[in-house]
Each structure stands twice: as structure tokens, then as C-alpha cells.
Amino acid sequence: MSAVLASAVAQVGPHFGPPDRAFDGGDHPWRWVIGLAMLAIALAAIAVAVVALVRVNRAAAASAPTTTVTGASADARALLDDRLARGEIDPADYEARRALLESPTPSAPGTTTA
């Protein structure tokens, strides 16, 4: 039995597998073409995935509400709420100022938009 095992190891070689014949004129001379085709398919799949993710993110951003209160406008809204709570401004003034804060392009007081 050990003679059979020694013979098998001698045939397989030290790498425990068949010898790589891709570079020594082996039985598959077009193996590099298949490799390049697989690389092109993999790169195309990655490109398609990136484009799909960008489109999904753009669609999500486009459908998001535009009147959300964030950043500096959140601070201004909180200050406005506090002024109303302390009685410094009346509810009508509060509503007018809040509408200015929530408008997409707030204009300066006294100016008109066309």
C-alpha cells in the first residue's frame, strides 16, 4: 500500500495537484482569453451594481421631503419656539416667521420675489 501512495505522490508532485500548464504550452492555449473574459464580466457586474446604487440613492433623495428642519434652521426653529413660549412674540408673528424658516428660499424682509 505504501508503494502505491509513494507512486501517487511522485506523479502529483510537491504541490499536491496537477502541474499548471497555462504557461508551458499546455493543452489549453486559449486559457488566457477565458481569464480575460471572466475579468471583463466581473468588472461589468461591478459597474452595473455601482450604477444601480447611484440611481437608487438619487431616487431616494429626490423623493425625500424638502421641508425638513435640519442644521441651522433647526436652531432657528427652536429659538422661535422658545420666544413664543416665553411670550416675546404673538402666535401670528410666530406663524409668519415659521413660514419664512420653512420656505425653500427664504427672502430678506421687505423684498419681493418675482
Foldseek 3Di string as FASTA:
>chain_A
DVVVVVVVDVCQDPVNHNDDCQPVPDPCVCVVVVVVVVVVVVVVVVVVVVVVVVVVVVVVVVPDDPQDQDDPLVVVLVVLVVCVVVVVDDPVVSVVVVVQSRDNDRDDPPDDDD
